[in-house]
Amino acid sequence: MWLIVFMIIIIAAVIVCFSLAAAAKNAEMISQLWLEKQHIKQEILCTNKTKEE
């Protein structure tokens, strides 16, 4: 009986760890995309300033 409970706890812990790892990876990808978008915006602003001068 205790072995079954212990196995269920272990399996749940593994699932939680994988879920957290996936969420962290998604957050990293989203922040990377956001940074890339900001970088592109900055490049456009710089290009527009040089054209105006």
Protein backbone atom coordinates (compact mmCIF):
# COMPACT_ATOMS: atom_id res chain seq x y z
CA MET A 1 0.00 0.00 0.00
CA TRP A 2 2.73 2.47 0.98
CA LEU A 3 4.68 1.52 -2.10
CA ILE A 4 1.74 2.47 -4.35
CA VAL A 5 1.33 5.83 -2.58
CA PHE A 6 5.07 6.45 -2.85
CA MET A 7 5.08 5.61 -6.59
CA ILE A 8 2.12 7.95 -7.21
CA ILE A 9 3.94 10.77 -5.38
CA ILE A 10 7.10 10.15 -7.41
CA ILE A 11 5.16 10.13 -10.70
CA ALA A 12 3.34 13.33 -9.73
CA ALA A 13 6.66 14.99 -8.84
CA VAL A 14 8.14 14.01 -12.21
CA ILE A 15 5.10 15.40 -14.05
CA VAL A 16 5.33 18.66 -12.10
CA CYS A 17 9.05 18.96 -12.86
CA PHE A 18 8.49 18.44 -16.57
CA SER A 19 5.62 20.94 -16.56
CA LEU A 20 7.77 23.55 -14.84
CA ALA A 21 10.61 22.93 -17.28
CA ALA A 22 8.24 23.34 -20.23
CA ALA A 23 6.80 26.54 -18.76
CA ALA A 24 10.29 27.94 -18.22
CA LYS A 25 11.24 27.10 -21.80
CA ASN A 26 8.08 28.82 -23.09
CA ALA A 27 8.80 31.89 -20.98
CA GLU A 28 12.34 31.99 -22.32
CA MET A 29 11.10 31.75 -25.91
CA ILE A 30 8.51 34.49 -25.34
CA SER A 31 11.05 36.84 -23.77
CA GLN A 32 13.49 36.10 -26.60
CA LEU A 33 10.82 37.01 -29.17
CA TRP A 34 9.99 40.19 -27.25
CA LEU A 35 13.66 41.20 -27.12
CA GLU A 36 14.01 40.52 -30.83
CA LYS A 37 10.92 42.64 -31.53
CA GLN A 38 12.34 45.50 -29.43
CA HIS A 39 15.66 45.23 -31.28
CA ILE A 40 13.89 45.44 -34.66
CA LYS A 41 11.89 48.49 -33.46
CA GLN A 42 15.13 50.16 -32.37
CA GLU A 43 16.73 49.45 -35.75
CA ILE A 44 13.73 50.96 -37.55
CA LEU A 45 13.89 54.08 -35.36
CA CYS A 46 17.61 54.46 -36.01
CA THR A 47 17.11 53.98 -39.76
CA ASN A 48 14.33 56.60 -39.80
CA LYS A 49 16.49 59.10 -37.89
CA THR A 50 19.36 58.66 -40.36
CA LYS A 51 17.01 59.16 -43.32
CA GLU A 52 15.66 62.40 -41.81
CA GLU A 53 19.13 63.88 -41.35
